[in-house]
């Protein structure tokens, strides 16, 4: 079933109508565009980007939104001033741009044939969801992989060795948390797409005094026990112990997602605080910009944030905790595409929420863009800080 609506091309311009129907495309100037990434000004190698400092100096929101948001398709989205420091500003559009806006996603919802189904899954409040935002994780919400490859440093004129060390320190924290608290040593070869994929094997036993170290699960793994995928059953006892581990992960996530230092030891907690500060400074508050958009969605009735990442599930959960994404991502809304790919994850999400829900995909990679296009889901590309700022602005005025 096709989903008519707004489509964003690779330049961040939004189109109206079903993808592939050129007769239904509206002029790009009629819609709130995202950042025009292909036309933005280059960043000098020795420049110091100051997105965060300027962004948070605007009293937590965007004043004069109508004067700053709309960017002419013939103008670059960013301008750079001369000197050793670089500042970024959204261009002022022609005055008539605002009056030309005709449709938003809400309008396309109202024009759809038929009424929204009331028979969707009622678990976890899914039946009340009307709009689902599907997010990629690395290089969309957080900066991690590009720290390790030094691509972020090269792009934004940062110290490559310093950013590499930040990435290595965060990688160590991620795997320490995953190994010491989230059973990654046990589950690395038993990866799941979702935490509830083995929930059917859980008999509900109280885990308060359960000893995971001596229950024999690791011995079975070392002896060559086979990790089977969802829907396939191995030994009943072994599968039950596997389910216990994922239930315990969910409990830890829900308990400590708002206060990760409480889970970590005191020295590690302090090291984490310092590292997060240094990463924010060196990435010009990238994660904080993403969190502002995520927070708007999380607090909007009828909307939900869903994560689809190519990271294995347990390390992905560790990343969510260490980058403080827990308040905007329920653990039930985290999917790993490592085993099945993002397109299959999208299919699962659409089956979960139904075909009458509006979906929007936010990401930086080709894989999520193809998955979105396959399912006729609007795609908002993220490649710069400006893209995140434009997304926040579009959400603030409810164009998405």
Protein backbone atom coordinates (compact mmCIF):
# COMPACT_ATOMS: atom_id res chain seq x y z
CA UNK A 1 0.00 0.00 0.00
CA UNK A 2 1.41 3.37 -0.94
CA UNK A 3 1.69 6.23 1.51
CA UNK A 4 1.04 9.52 -0.30
CA UNK A 5 2.64 12.40 1.51
CA UNK A 6 5.67 14.61 1.61
CA UNK A 7 8.95 13.25 0.22
CA UNK A 8 12.40 14.73 0.87
CA UNK A 9 15.00 14.28 -1.84
CA UNK A 10 18.72 14.02 -1.23
CA UNK A 11 19.01 17.82 -1.14
CA UNK A 12 16.50 18.10 1.69
CA UNK A 13 13.75 19.58 -0.53
CA UNK A 14 10.24 18.38 0.30
CA UNK A 15 7.82 17.18 -2.37
CA UNK A 16 4.09 16.55 -2.27
CA UNK A 17 2.43 13.43 -3.63
CA UNK A 18 3.31 9.80 -4.08
CA UNK A 19 6.95 9.23 -5.05
CA UNK A 20 7.31 8.49 -8.72
CA UNK A 21 4.36 10.61 -9.80
CA UNK A 22 5.97 13.70 -11.27
CA UNK A 23 2.62 15.29 -11.98
CA UNK A 24 1.93 15.49 -8.27
CA UNK A 25 5.21 17.12 -7.30
CA UNK A 26 4.76 20.60 -5.94
CA UNK A 27 7.37 23.29 -6.35
CA UNK A 28 10.04 22.94 -3.69
CA UNK A 29 9.58 26.57 -2.68
CA UNK A 30 6.08 25.70 -1.42
CA UNK A 31 7.39 23.59 1.42
CA UNK A 32 9.66 24.10 4.40
CA UNK A 33 13.01 22.71 3.13
CA UNK A 34 15.61 21.07 5.27
CA UNK A 35 19.20 22.19 5.01
CA UNK A 36 20.40 22.43 1.42
CA UNK A 37 23.46 20.35 2.07
CA UNK A 38 24.76 20.26 -1.47
CA UNK A 39 25.07 24.05 -1.60
CA UNK A 40 26.40 24.92 1.82
CA UNK A 41 29.56 26.93 2.22
CA UNK A 42 32.76 24.94 2.76
CA UNK A 43 34.28 24.89 6.20
CA UNK A 44 37.91 26.04 6.43
CA UNK A 45 40.32 23.45 7.72
CA UNK A 46 41.35 25.69 10.57
CA UNK A 47 37.84 26.88 11.36
CA UNK A 48 36.10 26.38 14.66
CA UNK A 49 32.39 25.70 14.09
CA UNK A 50 30.22 27.35 16.72
CA UNK A 51 26.80 25.90 16.17
CA UNK A 52 26.16 25.09 19.80
CA UNK A 53 27.20 28.41 21.27
CA UNK A 54 24.96 30.39 18.95
CA UNK A 55 22.15 27.87 19.03
CA UNK A 56 21.72 27.86 22.78
CA UNK A 57 22.13 31.61 23.03
CA UNK A 58 18.69 32.03 21.41
CA UNK A 59 16.78 31.39 24.65
CA UNK A 60 16.22 27.72 23.83
CA UNK A 61 14.25 28.27 20.63
CA UNK A 62 14.41 29.98 17.26
CA UNK A 63 13.30 33.63 17.27
CA UNK A 64 12.08 35.12 13.99
CA UNK A 65 11.46 31.66 12.64
CA UNK A 66 9.61 32.88 9.55
CA UNK A 67 12.51 35.15 8.66
CA UNK A 68 15.17 32.49 9.12
CA UNK A 69 13.72 29.11 8.21
CA UNK A 70 12.80 29.33 4.57
CA UNK A 71 15.84 29.09 2.34
CA UNK A 72 15.71 30.03 -1.32
CA UNK A 73 16.66 27.14 -3.59
CA UNK A 74 19.21 29.40 -5.28
CA UNK A 75 20.96 30.40 -2.05
CA UNK A 76 23.33 28.38 0.14
CA UNK A 77 21.88 27.30 3.46
CA UNK A 78 24.99 28.44 5.29
CA UNK A 79 27.32 31.39 5.05
CA UNK A 80 30.79 31.67 6.54
CA UNK A 81 32.38 34.85 7.81
CA UNK A 82 36.05 35.50 7.30
CA UNK A 83 38.59 35.01 10.02
CA UNK A 84 39.78 32.10 12.12
CA UNK A 85 36.31 31.35 13.40
CA UNK A 86 33.34 30.36 11.30
CA UNK A 87 29.73 31.21 12.09
CA UNK A 88 26.68 29.78 10.39
CA UNK A 89 23.42 31.50 9.62
CA UNK A 90 20.24 30.53 7.81
CA UNK A 91 19.57 32.80 4.83
CA UNK A 92 16.61 35.14 4.73
CA UNK A 93 14.18 34.14 1.98
CA UNK A 94 12.04 36.24 -0.34
CA UNK A 95 9.03 37.62 1.53
CA UNK A 96 6.56 35.74 -0.64
CA UNK A 97 7.97 32.31 0.35
CA UNK A 98 5.85 32.06 3.49
CA UNK A 99 2.59 32.72 1.70
CA UNK A 100 3.24 29.98 -0.85
CA UNK A 101 3.16 27.12 1.65
CA UNK A 102 0.09 25.05 0.95
CA UNK A 103 0.47 21.59 2.43
CA UNK A 104 1.99 19.88 5.43
CA UNK A 105 1.95 16.24 6.47
CA UNK A 106 -1.18 16.99 8.49
CA UNK A 107 -2.92 18.07 5.28
CA UNK A 108 -1.94 14.87 3.52
CA UNK A 109 -3.33 12.89 6.47
CA UNK A 110 -6.70 14.57 6.03
CA UNK A 111 -6.71 13.93 2.28
CA UNK A 112 -6.08 10.22 2.61
CA UNK A 113 -8.96 7.97 1.67
CA UNK A 114 -10.67 6.22 4.55
CA UNK A 115 -10.40 6.71 8.29
CA UNK A 116 -7.61 5.67 10.58
CA UNK A 117 -8.02 2.13 11.82
CA UNK A 118 -8.85 1.71 15.50
CA UNK A 119 -7.88 -1.96 15.48
CA UNK A 120 -4.11 -1.57 15.74
CA UNK A 121 -2.14 -3.26 18.45
CA UNK A 122 -3.19 -1.78 21.79
CA UNK A 123 -0.08 -2.89 23.68
CA UNK A 124 2.15 -0.15 25.08
CA UNK A 125 -0.23 2.52 23.83
CA UNK A 126 0.59 1.76 20.18
CA UNK A 127 -3.07 2.21 19.25
CA UNK A 128 -2.82 5.90 20.17
CA UNK A 129 0.16 6.60 17.89
CA UNK A 130 -0.53 8.64 14.77
CA UNK A 131 2.99 9.58 13.68
CA UNK A 132 6.17 7.52 13.89
CA UNK A 133 9.65 9.02 13.48
CA UNK A 134 12.21 6.35 12.57
CA UNK A 135 15.74 7.45 13.46
CA UNK A 136 19.18 6.17 12.57
CA UNK A 137 21.68 6.34 15.45
CA UNK A 138 25.35 6.83 14.50
CA UNK A 139 26.18 10.09 12.70
CA UNK A 140 22.50 11.09 12.88
CA UNK A 141 21.80 11.39 16.61
CA UNK A 142 25.30 10.83 17.95
CA UNK A 143 28.80 11.31 16.56
CA UNK A 144 30.77 8.13 17.19
CA UNK A 145 32.00 6.22 14.15
CA UNK A 146 33.32 9.35 12.44
CA UNK A 147 35.42 10.08 15.55
CA UNK A 148 37.14 6.73 15.14
CA UNK A 149 37.74 7.22 11.41
CA UNK A 150 38.75 10.90 11.86
CA UNK A 151 36.28 11.87 9.11
CA UNK A 152 34.51 14.29 11.46
CA UNK A 153 37.78 15.99 12.38
CA UNK A 154 38.81 16.32 8.74
CA UNK A 155 35.44 17.73 7.73
CA UNK A 156 35.21 20.33 10.49
CA UNK A 157 38.87 21.22 10.95
CA UNK A 158 39.32 19.49 14.32
CA UNK A 159 42.40 17.85 15.80
CA UNK A 160 42.31 14.34 14.32
CA UNK A 161 44.30 12.71 17.11
CA UNK A 162 42.19 14.36 19.83
CA UNK A 163 38.89 13.29 18.28
CA UNK A 164 40.23 9.77 17.69
CA UNK A 165 41.11 9.47 21.37
CA UNK A 166 37.60 10.65 22.30
CA UNK A 167 36.12 7.94 20.08
CA UNK A 168 38.36 5.25 21.57
CA UNK A 169 37.48 6.29 25.11
CA UNK A 170 33.76 6.20 24.34
CA UNK A 171 34.14 2.83 22.61
CA UNK A 172 35.79 1.46 25.75
CA UNK A 173 32.94 2.76 27.91
CA UNK A 174 30.32 1.29 25.57
CA UNK A 175 31.80 -2.21 25.69
CA UNK A 176 32.55 -2.03 29.41
CA UNK A 177 28.88 -1.23 30.06
CA UNK A 178 27.73 -3.87 27.59
CA UNK A 179 30.01 -6.57 29.02
CA UNK A 180 29.73 -5.81 32.74
CA UNK A 181 26.03 -4.99 33.01
CA UNK A 182 24.23 -5.97 29.80
CA UNK A 183 25.54 -9.56 29.31
CA UNK A 184 27.22 -8.83 25.99
CA UNK A 185 29.79 -11.59 26.60
CA UNK A 186 26.85 -14.00 26.76
CA UNK A 187 24.76 -12.45 23.98
CA UNK A 188 27.25 -11.34 21.34
CA UNK A 189 26.61 -14.49 19.32
CA UNK A 190 22.91 -14.50 20.23
CA UNK A 191 22.01 -11.08 18.88
CA UNK A 192 18.34 -10.16 18.53
CA UNK A 193 16.52 -7.52 16.54
CA UNK A 194 14.39 -6.45 19.50
CA UNK A 195 14.47 -7.08 23.25
CA UNK A 196 11.14 -8.91 23.16
CA UNK A 197 12.09 -11.37 20.42
CA UNK A 198 12.67 -14.13 23.00
CA UNK A 199 10.09 -12.94 25.54
CA UNK A 200 7.85 -15.92 24.76
CA UNK A 201 10.44 -18.18 26.42
CA UNK A 202 10.36 -16.19 29.68
CA UNK A 203 8.33 -17.94 32.38
CA UNK A 204 8.16 -14.80 34.54
CA UNK A 205 10.45 -16.11 37.27
CA UNK A 206 11.49 -13.53 39.86
CA UNK A 207 15.07 -12.48 39.06
CA UNK A 208 15.76 -10.55 42.28
CA UNK A 209 18.01 -13.29 43.66
CA UNK A 210 18.83 -15.00 40.38
CA UNK A 211 22.53 -15.69 39.82
CA UNK A 212 23.37 -15.17 36.15
CA UNK A 213 27.00 -16.13 36.75
CA UNK A 214 26.23 -19.69 37.82
CA UNK A 215 23.10 -20.59 35.83
CA UNK A 216 25.07 -22.57 33.24
CA UNK A 217 24.28 -20.32 30.28
CA UNK A 218 27.93 -19.47 29.60
CA UNK A 219 28.95 -23.11 29.88
CA UNK A 220 26.38 -24.02 27.27
CA UNK A 221 27.67 -21.25 25.00
CA UNK A 222 31.28 -22.36 25.43
CA UNK A 223 30.24 -25.93 24.59
CA UNK A 224 28.92 -24.77 21.25
CA UNK A 225 25.22 -24.21 21.94
CA UNK A 226 23.52 -22.81 18.87
CA UNK A 227 22.01 -19.32 19.05
CA UNK A 228 18.83 -19.53 17.07
CA UNK A 229 16.86 -16.65 15.65
CA UNK A 230 13.42 -15.41 16.69
CA UNK A 231 10.66 -17.95 16.24
CA UNK A 232 13.04 -20.96 16.38
CA UNK A 233 13.46 -22.92 19.60
CA UNK A 234 16.57 -24.60 20.91
CA UNK A 235 16.73 -26.24 24.31
CA UNK A 236 13.87 -24.98 26.48
CA UNK A 237 16.08 -24.36 29.52
CA UNK A 238 18.73 -22.51 27.50
CA UNK A 239 16.14 -20.33 25.73
CA UNK A 240 14.56 -19.44 29.08
CA UNK A 241 17.94 -18.27 30.41
CA UNK A 242 18.43 -16.23 27.24
CA UNK A 243 15.05 -14.57 27.81
CA UNK A 244 15.98 -13.84 31.43
CA UNK A 245 19.00 -11.86 30.25
CA UNK A 246 17.02 -9.69 27.89
CA UNK A 247 14.40 -9.08 30.60
CA UNK A 248 17.16 -8.01 32.98
CA UNK A 249 18.56 -5.64 30.32
CA UNK A 250 15.14 -4.01 30.00
CA UNK A 251 14.92 -3.60 33.78
CA UNK A 252 18.36 -1.99 33.97
CA UNK A 253 17.57 0.35 31.08
CA UNK A 254 14.29 1.50 32.61
CA UNK A 255 15.90 1.95 36.03
CA UNK A 256 19.05 3.84 35.02
CA UNK A 257 18.20 5.53 31.70
CA UNK A 258 17.81 8.86 33.51
CA UNK A 259 20.84 8.43 35.77
CA UNK A 260 23.58 6.34 34.18
CA UNK A 261 26.31 7.34 36.73
CA UNK A 262 24.33 5.50 39.39
CA UNK A 263 24.86 2.25 37.47
CA UNK A 264 28.55 2.89 36.82
CA UNK A 265 31.21 2.80 39.54
CA UNK A 266 32.29 6.18 40.90
CA UNK A 267 35.56 6.51 38.91
CA UNK A 268 33.87 5.33 35.69
CA UNK A 269 30.95 7.68 36.26
CA UNK A 270 33.27 10.65 36.60
CA UNK A 271 35.22 9.59 33.52
CA UNK A 272 31.93 9.35 31.61
CA UNK A 273 30.88 12.86 32.64
CA UNK A 274 34.20 14.32 31.53
CA UNK A 275 34.13 12.41 28.26
CA UNK A 276 30.60 13.52 27.40
CA UNK A 277 31.62 17.14 27.99
CA UNK A 278 34.67 16.83 25.76
CA UNK A 279 32.71 15.12 22.98
CA UNK A 280 30.01 17.81 23.09
CA UNK A 281 32.67 20.50 22.85
CA UNK A 282 34.49 18.83 19.95
CA UNK A 283 31.33 18.02 18.00
CA UNK A 284 29.78 21.48 18.56
CA UNK A 285 26.87 20.02 20.54
CA UNK A 286 25.70 17.71 17.76
CA UNK A 287 23.94 15.29 20.13
CA UNK A 288 22.32 18.15 22.03
CA UNK A 289 20.88 19.51 18.76
CA UNK A 290 19.44 16.09 17.94
CA UNK A 291 18.00 15.76 21.44
CA UNK A 292 16.08 19.00 21.04
CA UNK A 293 14.26 17.57 18.01
CA UNK A 294 13.79 14.20 19.71
CA UNK A 295 12.37 15.93 22.78
CA UNK A 296 9.77 17.80 20.73
CA UNK A 297 8.58 14.53 19.20
CA UNK A 298 8.60 12.68 22.53
CA UNK A 299 6.47 15.35 24.21
CA UNK A 300 3.97 15.63 21.34
CA UNK A 301 0.79 13.56 21.83
CA UNK A 302 0.35 10.77 19.32
CA UNK A 303 4.02 10.75 18.23
CA UNK A 304 6.84 8.34 19.00
CA UNK A 305 10.58 8.02 18.34
CA UNK A 306 11.77 4.67 16.96
CA UNK A 307 15.45 3.78 16.50
CA UNK A 308 16.73 1.45 13.77
CA UNK A 309 20.50 0.98 13.90
CA UNK A 310 23.04 -1.33 12.31
CA UNK A 311 24.76 -1.65 15.69
CA UNK A 312 24.12 -4.94 17.51
CA UNK A 313 21.25 -4.63 19.95
CA UNK A 314 23.17 -4.76 23.25
CA UNK A 315 25.86 -2.21 22.25
CA UNK A 316 23.09 -0.02 20.77
CA UNK A 317 21.33 -0.05 24.13
CA UNK A 318 24.63 0.81 25.83
CA UNK A 319 25.06 3.76 23.45
CA UNK A 320 21.55 4.98 24.27
CA UNK A 321 22.37 4.94 27.96
CA UNK A 322 25.79 6.58 27.67
CA UNK A 323 24.57 9.31 25.31
CA UNK A 324 21.51 9.86 27.56
CA UNK A 325 18.93 8.96 24.93
CA UNK A 326 16.81 6.92 27.36
CA UNK A 327 14.32 9.72 28.10
CA UNK A 328 13.33 9.94 24.41
CA UNK A 329 13.69 6.27 23.40
CA UNK A 330 11.80 3.59 25.25
CA UNK A 331 13.78 0.34 25.03
CA UNK A 332 10.79 -1.25 23.27
CA UNK A 333 11.39 1.25 20.46
CA UNK A 334 15.00 0.23 19.75
CA UNK A 335 15.63 -2.15 16.82
CA UNK A 336 18.91 -3.61 15.56
CA UNK A 337 19.20 -4.18 11.82
CA UNK A 338 22.47 -6.10 12.10
CA UNK A 339 20.89 -9.45 11.23
CA UNK A 340 17.95 -8.57 8.99
CA UNK A 341 18.72 -5.15 7.47
CA UNK A 342 16.86 -1.87 7.82
CA UNK A 343 14.23 -2.60 5.20
CA UNK A 344 13.04 -5.62 7.18
CA UNK A 345 13.08 -3.56 10.38
CA UNK A 346 10.88 -0.98 8.66
CA UNK A 347 8.46 -3.77 7.74
CA UNK A 348 8.27 -4.87 11.38
CA UNK A 349 7.61 -1.33 12.54
CA UNK A 350 4.86 -0.81 9.95
CA UNK A 351 3.27 -4.11 10.99
CA UNK A 352 3.41 -2.96 14.60
CA UNK A 353 1.80 0.46 14.17
CA UNK A 354 -0.30 -0.15 11.06
CA UNK A 355 -0.44 1.27 7.57
CA UNK A 356 -2.67 4.22 8.42
CA UNK A 357 -0.01 5.84 10.59
CA UNK A 358 2.23 8.58 9.18
CA UNK A 359 5.92 7.62 9.08
CA UNK A 360 8.96 9.89 8.77
CA UNK A 361 12.54 8.61 8.51
CA UNK A 362 15.52 10.64 9.74
CA UNK A 363 19.02 9.47 8.89
CA UNK A 364 22.38 10.04 7.25
CA UNK A 365 22.93 6.78 5.35
CA UNK A 366 21.99 5.27 2.05
CA UNK A 367 20.51 2.13 3.66
CA UNK A 368 17.79 3.96 5.61
CA UNK A 369 17.10 6.19 2.61
CA UNK A 370 16.49 3.14 0.40
CA UNK A 371 14.36 1.48 3.10
CA UNK A 372 12.28 4.65 3.42
CA UNK A 373 11.82 4.93 -0.33
CA UNK A 374 10.83 1.25 -0.58
CA UNK A 375 8.03 1.82 1.90
CA UNK A 376 7.09 5.29 0.56
CA UNK A 377 8.18 6.91 3.82
CA UNK A 378 9.32 10.57 3.75
CA UNK A 379 13.06 10.84 4.36
CA UNK A 380 14.80 13.76 6.10
CA UNK A 381 18.57 13.57 5.43
CA UNK A 382 21.03 14.58 8.15
CA UNK A 383 24.60 15.47 7.25
CA UNK A 384 25.27 18.77 9.05
CA UNK A 385 24.34 20.63 12.19
CA UNK A 386 22.20 22.86 10.03
CA UNK A 387 20.07 19.85 9.01
CA UNK A 388 19.33 19.15 12.68
CA UNK A 389 18.47 22.79 13.31
CA UNK A 390 16.13 22.89 10.31
CA UNK A 391 14.47 19.66 11.49
CA UNK A 392 13.88 21.18 14.92
CA UNK A 393 12.35 24.25 13.33
CA UNK A 394 10.05 22.18 11.11
CA UNK A 395 8.92 20.19 14.16
CA UNK A 396 8.45 23.32 16.23
CA UNK A 397 5.92 24.69 13.76
CA UNK A 398 4.46 21.20 13.21
CA UNK A 399 5.32 20.88 9.54
CA UNK A 400 6.38 17.32 10.44
